[in-house]
Amino acid sequence: MTDQTPFELKRFETFDALTAMLADGIAERLTAATHERGRASFVASGGSTPGPLYDRLSLTSAPWDHIDVTVSDERWTLLGAEGSNDRMLHQRLLINNAAAATYVGLRTEHDTPEAAEDSCDQRLRAMTRPFDVTLLGMGDDGHTASLFPYARGVDRALDLTSDRLAAAVRPTVAAGSTERISLTLRALQSSRIIILLLRSEEKLSIFQRLVPGSDWREAPVRALFTPSAPPIEVWWAP
């Protein structure tokens, strides 16, 4: 993988074993960050894959009252609507011990994600950065967060010359709402570590096929693996 940041691929025999290890690891990183800097920040991935991880993470003894949690992206649906990342996080992560965390949501009162960009940018800038842990996933099409291939707005979201932290993205084809707000590549790279969570043999095969390419618009997940990127770990289980 020439001209790409090196990464560690962590393989597990079961997803249950992965979630147990990763939940403890994230909690340890966030705990250490609060000891060093007073507060910690966690960017959580949406989707269904990390649900079991969040169930475990919510039970850890991390100092959640000193931790800010935001989401990597959000569909522009009603707040808490079925299928929204906001709803999933409140059902799976922001419960038990983690209910004490401060949640920084991306859904605002604005009618469109474009109108909400400045407000979301300000919310993210108020968090401790670099983000202490950023957890992401990858779709079969090579998208990560809501950075979808060839989507309207994805060029702005991938532009590292801009310091914008949130951008509106409208995928050409996507399940559910096609209006989304996403952390930009600049925001994602403002992390102390990025963890990419993959599940299934098929997903690993797609990842190994896509990542060596150079066209970010074709597979935006590639943009995570650049020389300027923070440390990246890829966690996989069947």
Protein backbone atom coordinates (compact mmCIF):
# COMPACT_ATOMS: atom_id res chain seq x y z
CA MET A 1 0.00 0.00 0.00
CA THR A 2 2.37 2.64 -1.28
CA ASP A 3 1.95 6.21 -0.07
CA GLN A 4 -0.53 5.14 2.61
CA THR A 5 -0.26 5.27 6.35
CA PRO A 6 0.54 1.86 7.85
CA PHE A 7 -2.19 0.24 9.90
CA GLU A 8 -2.62 -2.76 12.15
CA LEU A 9 -5.19 -5.41 11.23
CA LYS A 10 -6.53 -7.08 14.34
CA ARG A 11 -8.33 -10.38 13.60
CA PHE A 12 -10.66 -12.17 16.00
CA GLU A 13 -12.30 -15.58 15.78
CA THR A 14 -15.67 -14.22 16.91
CA PHE A 15 -17.35 -10.84 16.95
CA ASP A 16 -18.13 -11.34 20.63
CA ALA A 17 -14.42 -11.65 21.40
CA LEU A 18 -13.74 -8.53 19.35
CA THR A 19 -16.37 -6.42 21.09
CA ALA A 20 -15.16 -7.48 24.54
CA MET A 21 -11.58 -6.50 23.77
CA LEU A 22 -12.45 -3.32 21.91
CA ALA A 23 -14.89 -2.04 24.55
CA ASP A 24 -12.22 -2.36 27.20
CA GLY A 25 -9.63 -0.75 24.94
CA ILE A 26 -11.80 2.26 24.11
CA ALA A 27 -12.72 2.72 27.77
CA GLU A 28 -9.05 2.61 28.75
CA ARG A 29 -8.12 5.22 26.15
CA LEU A 30 -10.93 7.54 27.22
CA THR A 31 -10.07 7.09 30.90
CA ALA A 32 -6.42 7.90 30.27
CA ALA A 33 -7.42 10.99 28.29
CA THR A 34 -9.53 12.33 31.17
CA HIS A 35 -6.59 11.85 33.53
CA GLU A 36 -4.25 13.69 31.17
CA ARG A 37 -6.50 16.47 29.87
CA GLY A 38 -9.55 16.66 32.12
CA ARG A 39 -12.04 15.63 29.41
CA ALA A 40 -12.14 13.08 26.64
CA SER A 41 -13.96 12.88 23.32
CA PHE A 42 -15.35 9.90 21.42
CA VAL A 43 -16.66 9.87 17.83
CA ALA A 44 -19.08 6.97 17.47
CA SER A 45 -19.95 5.26 14.21
CA GLY A 46 -23.55 4.76 13.24
CA GLY A 47 -25.13 1.74 11.60
CA SER A 48 -25.99 -1.66 13.05
CA THR A 49 -22.52 -3.26 13.27
CA PRO A 50 -21.26 -1.45 16.41
CA GLY A 51 -24.45 -2.07 18.42
CA PRO A 52 -23.07 -5.00 20.46
CA LEU A 53 -19.86 -3.04 21.06
CA TYR A 54 -21.84 -0.11 22.45
CA ASP A 55 -23.82 -2.45 24.71
CA ARG A 56 -20.54 -3.50 26.34
CA LEU A 57 -18.98 -0.05 26.29
CA SER A 58 -21.97 1.45 28.11
CA LEU A 59 -21.22 -0.83 31.07
CA THR A 60 -17.55 0.07 31.45
CA SER A 61 -16.35 2.17 34.36
CA ALA A 62 -14.86 4.96 32.24
CA PRO A 63 -15.46 8.42 33.78
CA TRP A 64 -18.40 9.11 31.49
CA ASP A 65 -19.30 12.40 33.18
CA HIS A 66 -16.03 13.73 31.73
CA ILE A 67 -16.53 12.33 28.22
CA ASP A 68 -18.12 13.99 25.19
CA VAL A 69 -19.69 11.72 22.58
CA THR A 70 -20.62 12.68 19.05
CA VAL A 71 -21.55 10.71 15.96
CA SER A 72 -19.60 10.44 12.73
CA ASP A 73 -22.64 11.29 10.60
CA GLU A 74 -26.40 11.61 10.65
CA ARG A 75 -29.35 11.18 8.32
CA TRP A 76 -31.41 14.35 8.01
CA THR A 77 -34.56 12.82 9.45
CA LEU A 78 -36.62 13.83 12.46
CA LEU A 79 -34.57 13.79 15.67
CA GLY A 80 -34.69 10.30 17.13
CA ALA A 81 -36.45 8.84 14.09
CA GLU A 82 -36.18 5.16 13.24
CA GLY A 83 -32.91 4.55 11.43
CA SER A 84 -31.16 7.64 12.76
CA ASN A 85 -27.78 7.30 14.41
CA ASP A 86 -29.02 9.53 17.22
CA ARG A 87 -31.69 6.97 18.09
CA MET A 88 -29.28 4.04 17.92
CA LEU A 89 -26.73 5.72 20.20
CA HIS A 90 -29.37 6.56 22.79
CA GLN A 91 -30.60 2.97 22.74
CA ARG A 92 -27.24 1.17 22.74
CA LEU A 93 -24.46 3.46 24.05
CA LEU A 94 -25.83 6.38 26.08
CA ILE A 95 -27.33 4.09 28.72
CA ASN A 96 -26.12 2.38 31.89
CA ASN A 97 -22.87 4.02 33.06
CA ALA A 98 -22.46 5.89 29.75
CA ALA A 99 -25.73 7.77 30.33
CA ALA A 100 -23.56 10.30 32.20
CA ALA A 101 -21.71 11.25 28.99
CA THR A 102 -22.32 14.58 27.25
CA TYR A 103 -23.86 13.93 23.85
CA VAL A 104 -23.09 16.32 21.00
CA GLY A 105 -25.61 15.55 18.27
CA LEU A 106 -25.43 16.63 14.65
CA ARG A 107 -29.16 16.98 14.00
CA THR A 108 -30.18 20.62 14.35
CA GLU A 109 -33.40 22.59 13.88
CA HIS A 110 -32.38 23.59 10.35
CA ASP A 111 -34.43 22.41 7.39
CA THR A 112 -31.47 21.10 5.43
CA PRO A 113 -28.02 19.75 6.29
CA GLU A 114 -26.47 22.51 4.20
CA ALA A 115 -28.05 25.14 6.45
CA ALA A 116 -26.80 23.25 9.52
CA GLU A 117 -23.12 23.07 8.56
CA ASP A 118 -21.98 26.11 10.56
CA SER A 119 -23.94 25.07 13.64
CA CYS A 120 -22.54 21.54 13.55
CA ASP A 121 -19.05 22.90 12.98
CA GLN A 122 -19.36 25.05 16.12
CA ARG A 123 -20.63 22.11 18.18
CA LEU A 124 -17.68 19.97 17.13
CA ARG A 125 -15.15 22.74 17.81
CA ALA A 126 -16.44 22.97 21.39
CA MET A 127 -15.37 19.36 21.98
CA THR A 128 -11.90 18.29 23.10
CA ARG A 129 -9.76 17.82 19.99
CA PRO A 130 -8.01 15.93 18.62
CA PHE A 131 -10.80 13.46 19.30
CA ASP A 132 -9.38 10.81 21.62
CA VAL A 133 -11.03 7.88 19.80
CA THR A 134 -12.82 7.86 16.45
CA LEU A 135 -14.72 4.69 15.55
CA LEU A 136 -15.76 4.22 11.92
CA GLY A 137 -17.25 1.55 9.71
CA MET A 138 -17.20 0.91 5.98
CA GLY A 139 -20.04 0.20 3.58
CA ASP A 140 -19.86 -2.28 0.72
CA ASP A 141 -19.48 0.67 -1.65
CA GLY A 142 -16.43 2.00 0.20
CA HIS A 143 -18.16 4.80 2.09
CA THR A 144 -17.25 5.71 5.65
CA ALA A 145 -19.25 8.05 7.90
CA SER A 146 -21.51 9.63 5.24
CA LEU A 147 -18.69 10.13 2.77
CA PHE A 148 -20.33 8.27 -0.11
CA PRO A 149 -18.77 7.63 -3.52
CA TYR A 150 -19.51 10.42 -6.01
CA ALA A 151 -22.07 11.99 -3.66
CA ARG A 152 -22.97 15.62 -4.03
CA GLY A 153 -20.84 17.47 -1.50
CA VAL A 154 -18.29 14.68 -1.00
CA ASP A 155 -15.51 16.68 -2.68
CA ARG A 156 -15.93 19.46 -0.09
CA ALA A 157 -16.06 16.91 2.71
CA LEU A 158 -12.80 15.29 1.54
CA ASP A 159 -10.97 18.59 0.99
CA LEU A 160 -8.07 18.72 3.44
CA THR A 161 -7.30 22.34 2.53
CA SER A 162 -10.53 23.36 4.26
CA ASP A 163 -10.76 23.47 8.06
CA ARG A 164 -14.52 22.75 8.03
CA LEU A 165 -15.46 19.95 10.45
CA ALA A 166 -18.97 19.13 9.16
CA ALA A 167 -20.38 19.03 5.65
CA ALA A 168 -23.68 18.22 3.98
CA VAL A 169 -23.55 15.18 1.70
CA ARG A 170 -26.25 13.89 -0.61
CA PRO A 171 -25.52 10.33 -1.83
CA THR A 172 -26.67 9.38 -5.31
CA VAL A 173 -28.07 6.11 -3.95
CA ALA A 174 -28.50 5.31 -0.24
CA ALA A 175 -30.94 3.51 2.00
CA GLY A 176 -33.25 5.85 3.85
CA SER A 177 -32.78 9.59 3.69
CA THR A 178 -30.43 10.91 1.00
CA GLU A 179 -29.84 14.09 3.01
CA ARG A 180 -26.98 13.69 5.47
CA ILE A 181 -24.47 15.60 7.56
CA SER A 182 -21.02 14.10 8.04
CA LEU A 183 -17.79 14.82 9.78
CA THR A 184 -15.31 15.88 7.13
CA LEU A 185 -12.04 14.17 6.41
CA ARG A 186 -10.33 17.07 8.20
CA ALA A 187 -12.42 16.36 11.31
CA LEU A 188 -11.81 12.61 11.15
CA GLN A 189 -8.08 13.14 10.84
CA SER A 190 -8.21 15.37 13.92
CA SER A 191 -8.16 12.21 16.02
CA ARG A 192 -5.56 10.58 18.22
CA ILE A 193 -6.55 7.20 16.79
CA ILE A 194 -9.04 5.93 14.21
CA ILE A 195 -10.52 2.47 14.64
CA LEU A 196 -12.17 0.93 11.57
CA LEU A 197 -14.63 -1.82 12.53
CA LEU A 198 -15.34 -4.54 9.95
CA ARG A 199 -17.47 -7.65 10.18
CA SER A 200 -17.72 -10.64 7.79
CA GLU A 201 -15.34 -12.25 5.33
CA GLU A 202 -17.01 -10.36 2.50
CA LYS A 203 -16.43 -6.98 4.14
CA LEU A 204 -12.76 -7.76 4.74
CA SER A 205 -12.40 -8.82 1.11
CA ILE A 206 -14.00 -5.56 -0.06
CA PHE A 207 -11.71 -3.56 2.21
CA GLN A 208 -8.58 -5.32 0.95
CA ARG A 209 -9.66 -4.73 -2.64
CA LEU A 210 -10.65 -1.08 -2.28
CA VAL A 211 -8.09 0.48 0.03
CA PRO A 212 -5.01 0.18 -2.21
CA GLY A 213 -6.68 2.44 -4.82
CA SER A 214 -5.99 6.15 -5.12
CA ASP A 215 -9.34 7.63 -6.18
CA TRP A 216 -10.98 8.96 -3.02
CA ARG A 217 -14.25 9.79 -4.78
CA GLU A 218 -14.62 6.19 -5.94
CA ALA A 219 -14.08 4.78 -2.42
CA PRO A 220 -13.85 7.52 0.25
CA VAL A 221 -12.59 5.05 2.88
CA ARG A 222 -9.25 5.26 1.07
CA ALA A 223 -8.84 8.82 2.30
CA LEU A 224 -8.36 7.54 5.86
CA PHE A 225 -5.14 5.80 4.85
CA THR A 226 -3.01 8.76 3.84
CA PRO A 227 0.45 9.73 5.12
CA SER A 228 -1.09 12.65 7.05
CA ALA A 229 -3.59 10.39 8.84
CA PRO A 230 -3.41 9.56 12.55
CA PRO A 231 -2.71 5.98 13.67
CA ILE A 232 -5.32 3.55 12.34
CA GLU A 233 -6.33 0.13 13.62
CA VAL A 234 -8.62 -2.16 11.62
CA TRP A 235 -10.61 -4.55 13.82
CA TRP A 236 -12.21 -7.52 12.06
CA ALA A 237 -14.20 -10.61 12.96
CA PRO A 238 -16.37 -12.94 10.87
